[in-house]
Amino acid sequence: QNFTAQAEANTQIEVKNTAGEVIGSGSTDSMGNVSGYFYQVYLHGEELTFVVVDRAGNRSTEVKQNALIDDIAPNAIENIIFNENGQNFTAQAEANTQIEVKNAVGEIVGSGYVDGAGNVSGYLYQVYLHGEELTFVVVDRAGNRSTEVKQNALIDD
Protein backbone atom coordinates (compact mmCIF):
# COMPACT_ATOMS: atom_id res chain seq x y z
CA GLN A 1 0.00 0.00 0.00
CA ASN A 2 3.01 2.30 0.14
CA PHE A 3 5.19 3.77 -2.59
CA THR A 4 8.39 5.78 -2.85
CA ALA A 5 9.81 7.86 -5.71
CA GLN A 6 11.69 11.05 -6.54
CA ALA A 7 10.05 14.36 -7.52
CA GLU A 8 10.42 18.11 -7.11
CA ALA A 9 11.10 19.00 -3.47
CA ASN A 10 8.24 20.12 -1.22
CA THR A 11 5.42 19.02 -3.53
CA GLN A 12 2.39 16.77 -3.25
CA ILE A 13 1.74 13.58 -5.22
CA GLU A 14 -1.70 12.60 -6.49
CA VAL A 15 -2.43 9.05 -7.66
CA LYS A 16 -5.48 8.13 -9.75
CA ASN A 17 -6.91 4.94 -11.19
CA THR A 18 -8.05 4.52 -14.81
CA ALA A 19 -11.47 5.96 -13.90
CA GLY A 20 -9.79 9.18 -12.74
CA GLU A 21 -10.56 8.60 -9.07
CA VAL A 22 -7.91 9.63 -6.53
CA ILE A 23 -6.69 6.38 -4.96
CA GLY A 24 -3.54 7.54 -3.20
CA SER A 25 -1.38 10.46 -2.25
CA GLY A 26 2.07 11.39 -1.11
CA SER A 27 4.45 14.21 -0.43
CA THR A 28 8.10 15.03 -0.99
CA ASP A 29 10.65 16.24 1.49
CA SER A 30 13.18 19.03 0.90
CA MET A 31 15.42 16.53 -0.97
CA GLY A 32 12.63 15.38 -3.33
CA ASN A 33 12.13 11.97 -1.69
CA VAL A 34 8.52 10.86 -2.15
CA SER A 35 6.66 8.92 0.51
CA GLY A 36 3.14 7.91 -0.45
CA TYR A 37 0.22 5.69 0.41
CA PHE A 38 -2.52 3.93 -1.60
CA TYR A 39 -5.98 3.89 -0.01
CA GLN A 40 -6.29 0.17 -0.78
CA VAL A 41 -4.01 -2.66 -1.90
CA TYR A 42 -3.08 -2.80 -5.59
CA LEU A 43 -1.45 -6.14 -6.48
CA HIS A 44 -2.97 -7.07 -9.84
CA GLY A 45 -0.98 -4.91 -12.26
CA GLU A 46 -3.55 -2.10 -12.26
CA GLU A 47 -2.60 1.00 -14.24
CA LEU A 48 -2.01 3.94 -11.89
CA THR A 49 -1.40 7.57 -12.85
CA PHE A 50 0.92 9.80 -10.79
CA VAL A 51 0.95 13.61 -10.90
CA VAL A 52 3.17 16.02 -8.97
CA VAL A 53 1.43 19.19 -7.70
CA ASP A 54 3.52 22.11 -6.45
CA ARG A 55 2.51 24.69 -3.84
CA ALA A 56 1.19 27.03 -6.55
CA GLY A 57 -1.11 24.28 -7.84
CA ASN A 58 0.86 23.62 -11.02
CA ARG A 59 0.52 20.02 -12.18
CA SER A 60 3.22 17.91 -13.83
CA THR A 61 2.63 15.69 -16.82
CA GLU A 62 1.05 12.38 -15.90
CA VAL A 63 3.25 9.35 -15.33
CA LYS A 64 1.57 5.98 -15.76
CA GLN A 65 2.86 3.00 -13.80
CA ASN A 66 1.44 -0.47 -13.34
CA ALA A 67 1.04 -1.84 -9.84
CA LEU A 68 2.92 -4.94 -8.83
CA ILE A 69 1.43 -8.34 -9.62
CA ASP A 70 1.12 -10.86 -6.79
CA ASP A 71 -0.14 -14.16 -8.16
CA ILE A 72 1.78 -16.41 -5.78
CA ALA A 73 -0.28 -18.44 -3.35
CA PRO A 74 0.75 -18.25 0.30
CA ASN A 75 2.06 -21.34 2.05
CA ALA A 76 -0.51 -23.46 3.85
CA ILE A 77 -1.29 -22.89 7.52
CA GLU A 78 0.87 -24.82 10.00
CA ASN A 79 0.82 -25.88 13.66
CA ILE A 80 -2.93 -25.48 14.22
CA ILE A 81 -3.74 -25.70 17.92
CA PHE A 82 -7.37 -25.67 19.08
CA ASN A 83 -8.23 -24.12 22.43
CA GLU A 84 -10.08 -26.47 24.77
CA ASN A 85 -13.11 -24.15 24.58
CA GLY A 86 -13.69 -25.47 21.05
CA GLN A 87 -13.96 -22.01 19.56
CA ASN A 88 -10.48 -20.49 19.31
CA PHE A 89 -7.31 -21.59 17.54
CA THR A 90 -3.75 -20.47 17.00
CA ALA A 91 -1.33 -21.43 14.22
CA GLN A 92 1.42 -20.11 11.95
CA ALA A 93 0.94 -18.69 8.43
CA GLU A 94 2.27 -16.02 6.05
CA ALA A 95 2.41 -12.64 7.79
CA ASN A 96 -0.44 -10.16 7.25
CA THR A 97 -2.87 -12.64 5.69
CA GLN A 98 -6.35 -13.87 6.61
CA ILE A 99 -7.52 -17.37 7.52
CA GLU A 100 -10.76 -18.90 6.26
CA VAL A 101 -12.22 -21.96 8.00
CA LYS A 102 -14.89 -24.18 6.42
CA ASN A 103 -16.86 -27.17 7.64
CA ALA A 104 -17.24 -30.49 5.82
CA VAL A 105 -19.95 -29.10 3.50
CA GLY A 106 -17.94 -26.00 2.55
CA GLU A 107 -19.67 -23.38 4.70
CA ILE A 108 -17.45 -20.71 6.25
CA VAL A 109 -17.49 -21.40 9.99
CA GLY A 110 -14.54 -19.38 11.23
CA SER A 111 -11.82 -16.89 10.45
CA GLY A 112 -8.53 -15.61 11.67
CA TYR A 113 -5.92 -12.97 11.08
CA VAL A 114 -2.16 -13.27 10.91
CA ASP A 115 0.08 -10.64 12.47
CA GLY A 116 3.33 -9.34 11.03
CA ALA A 117 5.29 -12.20 12.65
CA GLY A 118 3.09 -14.95 11.17
CA ASN A 119 1.13 -15.72 14.35
CA VAL A 120 -2.48 -16.74 13.70
CA SER A 121 -5.30 -15.80 16.05
CA GLY A 122 -8.56 -17.43 14.98
CA TYR A 123 -12.17 -17.86 16.01
CA LEU A 124 -14.81 -20.44 15.10
CA TYR A 125 -18.37 -19.11 14.94
CA GLN A 126 -19.65 -22.01 17.06
CA VAL A 127 -18.17 -24.62 19.40
CA TYR A 128 -16.51 -27.64 17.75
CA LEU A 129 -15.76 -30.38 20.30
CA HIS A 130 -16.83 -33.58 18.50
CA GLY A 131 -13.88 -34.18 16.20
CA GLU A 132 -15.50 -32.39 13.26
CA GLU A 133 -13.33 -32.04 10.15
CA LEU A 134 -12.46 -28.40 9.46
CA THR A 135 -10.65 -27.00 6.42
CA PHE A 136 -8.21 -24.09 6.75
CA VAL A 137 -7.09 -21.81 3.89
CA VAL A 138 -4.69 -18.85 4.01
CA VAL A 139 -5.76 -15.87 1.84
CA ASP A 140 -3.26 -13.08 1.11
CA ARG A 141 -3.99 -9.40 0.39
CA ALA A 142 -4.07 -10.07 -3.36
CA GLY A 143 -6.72 -12.79 -2.87
CA ASN A 144 -4.36 -15.70 -3.57
CA ARG A 145 -5.36 -18.87 -1.70
CA SER A 146 -3.11 -21.51 -0.15
CA THR A 147 -3.69 -25.23 -0.43
CA GLU A 148 -6.28 -26.51 2.01
CA VAL A 149 -5.32 -28.07 5.33
CA LYS A 150 -7.85 -30.37 6.96
CA GLN A 151 -7.77 -30.90 10.71
CA ASN A 152 -10.24 -32.44 13.11
CA ALA A 153 -11.53 -30.43 16.04
CA LEU A 154 -10.93 -31.61 19.59
CA ILE A 155 -13.14 -34.31 21.09
CA ASP A 156 -14.72 -33.62 24.47
CA ASP A 157 -17.18 -36.37 25.31
C-alpha atoms as a PDB file:
ATOM      1  CA  GLN A   1       0.000   0.000   0.000  1.00  0.00           C
ATOM      2  CA  ASN A   2       3.013   2.302   0.136  1.00  0.00           C
ATOM      3  CA  PHE A   3       5.194   3.770  -2.585  1.00  0.00           C
ATOM      4  CA  THR A   4       8.386   5.780  -2.854  1.00  0.00           C
ATOM      5  CA  ALA A   5       9.807   7.859  -5.706  1.00  0.00           C
ATOM      6  CA  GLN A   6      11.687  11.052  -6.543  1.00  0.00           C
ATOM      7  CA  ALA A   7      10.051  14.357  -7.523  1.00  0.00           C
ATOM      8  CA  GLU A   8      10.424  18.109  -7.111  1.00  0.00           C
ATOM      9  CA  ALA A   9      11.104  19.004  -3.469  1.00  0.00           C
ATOM     10  CA  ASN A  10       8.239  20.119  -1.217  1.00  0.00           C
ATOM     11  CA  THR A  11       5.416  19.023  -3.531  1.00  0.00           C
ATOM     12  CA  GLN A  12       2.393  16.766  -3.250  1.00  0.00           C
ATOM     13  CA  ILE A  13       1.737  13.578  -5.218  1.00  0.00           C
ATOM     14  CA  GLU A  14      -1.702  12.598  -6.486  1.00  0.00           C
ATOM     15  CA  VAL A  15      -2.428   9.049  -7.658  1.00  0.00           C
ATOM     16  CA  LYS A  16      -5.478   8.130  -9.754  1.00  0.00           C
ATOM     17  CA  ASN A  17      -6.910   4.937 -11.195  1.00  0.00           C
ATOM     18  CA  THR A  18      -8.049   4.516 -14.813  1.00  0.00           C
ATOM     19  CA  ALA A  19     -11.466   5.958 -13.900  1.00  0.00           C
ATOM     20  CA  GLY A  20      -9.787   9.176 -12.740  1.00  0.00           C
ATOM     21  CA  GLU A  21     -10.557   8.599  -9.066  1.00  0.00           C
ATOM     22  CA  VAL A  22      -7.913   9.628  -6.532  1.00  0.00           C
ATOM     23  CA  ILE A  23      -6.692   6.377  -4.958  1.00  0.00           C
ATOM     24  CA  GLY A  24      -3.537   7.536  -3.198  1.00  0.00           C
ATOM     25  CA  SER A  25      -1.379  10.465  -2.247  1.00  0.00           C
ATOM     26  CA  GLY A  26       2.074  11.386  -1.114  1.00  0.00           C
ATOM     27  CA  SER A  27       4.454  14.208  -0.429  1.00  0.00           C
ATOM     28  CA  THR A  28       8.096  15.031  -0.994  1.00  0.00           C
ATOM     29  CA  ASP A  29      10.649  16.240   1.493  1.00  0.00           C
ATOM     30  CA  SER A  30      13.179  19.025   0.896  1.00  0.00           C
ATOM     31  CA  MET A  31      15.417  16.535  -0.968  1.00  0.00           C
ATOM     32  CA  GLY A  32      12.631  15.380  -3.332  1.00  0.00           C
ATOM     33  CA  ASN A  33      12.127  11.965  -1.686  1.00  0.00           C
ATOM     34  CA  VAL A  34       8.522  10.856  -2.154  1.00  0.00           C
ATOM     35  CA  SER A  35       6.662   8.923   0.507  1.00  0.00           C
ATOM     36  CA  GLY A  36       3.139   7.906  -0.453  1.00  0.00           C
ATOM     37  CA  TYR A  37       0.217   5.694   0.413  1.00  0.00           C
ATOM     38  CA  PHE A  38      -2.516   3.935  -1.596  1.00  0.00           C
ATOM     39  CA  TYR A  39      -5.982   3.891  -0.007  1.00  0.00           C
ATOM     40  CA  GLN A  40      -6.286   0.168  -0.782  1.00  0.00           C
ATOM     41  CA  VAL A  41      -4.014  -2.657  -1.902  1.00  0.00           C
ATOM     42  CA  TYR A  42      -3.075  -2.803  -5.594  1.00  0.00           C
ATOM     43  CA  LEU A  43      -1.450  -6.139  -6.475  1.00  0.00           C
ATOM     44  CA  HIS A  44      -2.966  -7.074  -9.843  1.00  0.00           C
ATOM     45  CA  GLY A  45      -0.982  -4.907 -12.263  1.00  0.00           C
ATOM     46  CA  GLU A  46      -3.548  -2.100 -12.263  1.00  0.00           C
ATOM     47  CA  GLU A  47      -2.597   0.999 -14.241  1.00  0.00           C
ATOM     48  CA  LEU A  48      -2.011   3.938 -11.885  1.00  0.00           C
ATOM     49  CA  THR A  49      -1.402   7.575 -12.847  1.00  0.00           C
ATOM     50  CA  PHE A  50       0.916   9.796 -10.794  1.00  0.00           C
ATOM     51  CA  VAL A  51       0.952  13.615 -10.899  1.00  0.00           C
ATOM     52  CA  VAL A  52       3.172  16.025  -8.971  1.00  0.00           C
ATOM     53  CA  VAL A  53       1.432  19.187  -7.704  1.00  0.00           C
ATOM     54  CA  ASP A  54       3.525  22.113  -6.451  1.00  0.00           C
ATOM     55  CA  ARG A  55       2.508  24.687  -3.838  1.00  0.00           C
ATOM     56  CA  ALA A  56       1.195  27.032  -6.551  1.00  0.00           C
ATOM     57  CA  GLY A  57      -1.112  24.283  -7.841  1.00  0.00           C
ATOM     58  CA  ASN A  58       0.859  23.615 -11.019  1.00  0.00           C
ATOM     59  CA  ARG A  59       0.519  20.020 -12.181  1.00  0.00           C
ATOM     60  CA  SER A  60       3.217  17.905 -13.828  1.00  0.00           C
ATOM     61  CA  THR A  61       2.629  15.687 -16.825  1.00  0.00           C
ATOM     62  CA  GLU A  62       1.048  12.377 -15.901  1.00  0.00           C
ATOM     63  CA  VAL A  63       3.249   9.348 -15.329  1.00  0.00           C
ATOM     64  CA  LYS A  64       1.566   5.982 -15.764  1.00  0.00           C
ATOM     65  CA  GLN A  65       2.864   3.001 -13.805  1.00  0.00           C
ATOM     66  CA  ASN A  66       1.440  -0.467 -13.344  1.00  0.00           C
ATOM     67  CA  ALA A  67       1.036  -1.839  -9.836  1.00  0.00           C
ATOM     68  CA  LEU A  68       2.922  -4.943  -8.831  1.00  0.00           C
ATOM     69  CA  ILE A  69       1.434  -8.342  -9.618  1.00  0.00           C
ATOM     70  CA  ASP A  70       1.123 -10.861  -6.792  1.00  0.00           C
ATOM     71  CA  ASP A  71      -0.144 -14.163  -8.163  1.00  0.00           C
ATOM     72  CA  ILE A  72       1.785 -16.412  -5.775  1.00  0.00           C
ATOM     73  CA  ALA A  73      -0.282 -18.444  -3.351  1.00  0.00           C
ATOM     74  CA  PRO A  74       0.747 -18.247   0.298  1.00  0.00           C
ATOM     75  CA  ASN A  75       2.061 -21.343   2.049  1.00  0.00           C
ATOM     76  CA  ALA A  76      -0.511 -23.460   3.851  1.00  0.00           C
ATOM     77  CA  ILE A  77      -1.290 -22.886   7.519  1.00  0.00           C
ATOM     78  CA  GLU A  78       0.869 -24.819  10.005  1.00  0.00           C
ATOM     79  CA  ASN A  79       0.824 -25.881  13.662  1.00  0.00           C
ATOM     80  CA  ILE A  80      -2.933 -25.478  14.219  1.00  0.00           C
ATOM     81  CA  ILE A  81      -3.744 -25.700  17.923  1.00  0.00           C
ATOM     82  CA  PHE A  82      -7.366 -25.673  19.083  1.00  0.00           C
ATOM     83  CA  ASN A  83      -8.232 -24.116  22.433  1.00  0.00           C
ATOM     84  CA  GLU A  84     -10.076 -26.468  24.770  1.00  0.00           C
ATOM     85  CA  ASN A  85     -13.113 -24.146  24.585  1.00  0.00           C
ATOM     86  CA  GLY A  86     -13.691 -25.472  21.054  1.00  0.00           C
ATOM     87  CA  GLN A  87     -13.960 -22.013  19.559  1.00  0.00           C
ATOM     88  CA  ASN A  88     -10.476 -20.491  19.307  1.00  0.00           C
ATOM     89  CA  PHE A  89      -7.312 -21.586  17.543  1.00  0.00           C
ATOM     90  CA  THR A  90      -3.749 -20.473  16.997  1.00  0.00           C
ATOM     91  CA  ALA A  91      -1.331 -21.426  14.221  1.00  0.00           C
ATOM     92  CA  GLN A  92       1.425 -20.112  11.950  1.00  0.00           C
ATOM     93  CA  ALA A  93       0.943 -18.686   8.426  1.00  0.00           C
ATOM     94  CA  GLU A  94       2.266 -16.024   6.050  1.00  0.00           C
ATOM     95  CA  ALA A  95       2.409 -12.641   7.794  1.00  0.00           C
ATOM     96  CA  ASN A  96      -0.438 -10.165   7.249  1.00  0.00           C
ATOM     97  CA  THR A  97      -2.868 -12.643   5.692  1.00  0.00           C
ATOM     98  CA  GLN A  98      -6.348 -13.867   6.613  1.00  0.00           C
ATOM     99  CA  ILE A  99      -7.520 -17.369   7.523  1.00  0.00           C
ATOM    100  CA  GLU A 100     -10.755 -18.896   6.261  1.00  0.00           C
ATOM    101  CA  VAL A 101     -12.219 -21.962   7.997  1.00  0.00           C
ATOM    102  CA  LYS A 102     -14.886 -24.182   6.418  1.00  0.00           C
ATOM    103  CA  ASN A 103     -16.862 -27.166   7.639  1.00  0.00           C
ATOM    104  CA  ALA A 104     -17.240 -30.487   5.821  1.00  0.00           C
ATOM    105  CA  VAL A 105     -19.950 -29.100   3.501  1.00  0.00           C
ATOM    106  CA  GLY A 106     -17.942 -25.995   2.552  1.00  0.00           C
ATOM    107  CA  GLU A 107     -19.668 -23.380   4.697  1.00  0.00           C
ATOM    108  CA  ILE A 108     -17.450 -20.715   6.250  1.00  0.00           C
ATOM    109  CA  VAL A 109     -17.490 -21.398   9.985  1.00  0.00           C
ATOM    110  CA  GLY A 110     -14.542 -19.375  11.231  1.00  0.00           C
ATOM    111  CA  SER A 111     -11.823 -16.894  10.449  1.00  0.00           C
ATOM    112  CA  GLY A 112      -8.529 -15.608  11.668  1.00  0.00           C
ATOM    113  CA  TYR A 113      -5.920 -12.973  11.080  1.00  0.00           C
ATOM    114  CA  VAL A 114      -2.160 -13.271  10.913  1.00  0.00           C
ATOM    115  CA  ASP A 115       0.077 -10.640  12.468  1.00  0.00           C
ATOM    116  CA  GLY A 116       3.333  -9.339  11.030  1.00  0.00           C
ATOM    117  CA  ALA A 117       5.291 -12.196  12.650  1.00  0.00           C
ATOM    118  CA  GLY A 118       3.092 -14.951  11.172  1.00  0.00           C
ATOM    119  CA  ASN A 119       1.127 -15.717  14.348  1.00  0.00           C
ATOM    120  CA  VAL A 120      -2.476 -16.743  13.704  1.00  0.00           C
ATOM    121  CA  SER A 121      -5.304 -15.801  16.047  1.00  0.00           C
ATOM    122  CA  GLY A 122      -8.561 -17.426  14.981  1.00  0.00           C
ATOM    123  CA  TYR A 123     -12.167 -17.864  16.009  1.00  0.00           C
ATOM    124  CA  LEU A 124     -14.810 -20.439  15.103  1.00  0.00           C
ATOM    125  CA  TYR A 125     -18.374 -19.108  14.942  1.00  0.00           C
ATOM    126  CA  GLN A 126     -19.653 -22.006  17.060  1.00  0.00           C
ATOM    127  CA  VAL A 127     -18.168 -24.617  19.400  1.00  0.00           C
ATOM    128  CA  TYR A 128     -16.514 -27.636  17.747  1.00  0.00           C
ATOM    129  CA  LEU A 129     -15.760 -30.384  20.300  1.00  0.00           C
ATOM    130  CA  HIS A 130     -16.833 -33.579  18.504  1.00  0.00           C
ATOM    131  CA  GLY A 131     -13.880 -34.184  16.196  1.00  0.00           C
ATOM    132  CA  GLU A 132     -15.496 -32.391  13.255  1.00  0.00           C
ATOM    133  CA  GLU A 133     -13.325 -32.043  10.154  1.00  0.00           C
ATOM    134  CA  LEU A 134     -12.455 -28.401   9.462  1.00  0.00           C
ATOM    135  CA  THR A 135     -10.652 -27.002   6.425  1.00  0.00           C
ATOM    136  CA  PHE A 136      -8.206 -24.091   6.747  1.00  0.00           C
ATOM    137  CA  VAL A 137      -7.088 -21.807   3.890  1.00  0.00           C
ATOM    138  CA  VAL A 138      -4.685 -18.847   4.009  1.00  0.00           C
ATOM    139  CA  VAL A 139      -5.762 -15.869   1.840  1.00  0.00           C
ATOM    140  CA  ASP A 140      -3.262 -13.080   1.111  1.00  0.00           C
ATOM    141  CA  ARG A 141      -3.986  -9.398   0.391  1.00  0.00           C
ATOM    142  CA  ALA A 142      -4.073 -10.075  -3.361  1.00  0.00           C
ATOM    143  CA  GLY A 143      -6.725 -12.790  -2.875  1.00  0.00           C
ATOM    144  CA  ASN A 144      -4.363 -15.703  -3.569  1.00  0.00           C
ATOM    145  CA  ARG A 145      -5.359 -18.866  -1.703  1.00  0.00           C
ATOM    146  CA  SER A 146      -3.114 -21.513  -0.153  1.00  0.00           C
ATOM    147  CA  THR A 147      -3.686 -25.228  -0.434  1.00  0.00           C
ATOM    148  CA  GLU A 148      -6.279 -26.508   2.014  1.00  0.00           C
ATOM    149  CA  VAL A 149      -5.316 -28.071   5.327  1.00  0.00           C
ATOM    150  CA  LYS A 150      -7.853 -30.369   6.963  1.00  0.00           C
ATOM    151  CA  GLN A 151      -7.772 -30.901  10.706  1.00  0.00           C
ATOM    152  CA  ASN A 152     -10.235 -32.438  13.106  1.00  0.00           C
ATOM    153  CA  ALA A 153     -11.535 -30.433  16.040  1.00  0.00           C
ATOM    154  CA  LEU A 154     -10.927 -31.609  19.591  1.00  0.00           C
ATOM    155  CA  ILE A 155     -13.139 -34.307  21.086  1.00  0.00           C
ATOM    156  CA  ASP A 156     -14.724 -33.621  24.474  1.00  0.00           C
ATOM    157  CA  ASP A 157     -17.178 -36.367  25.315  1.00  0.00           C
END
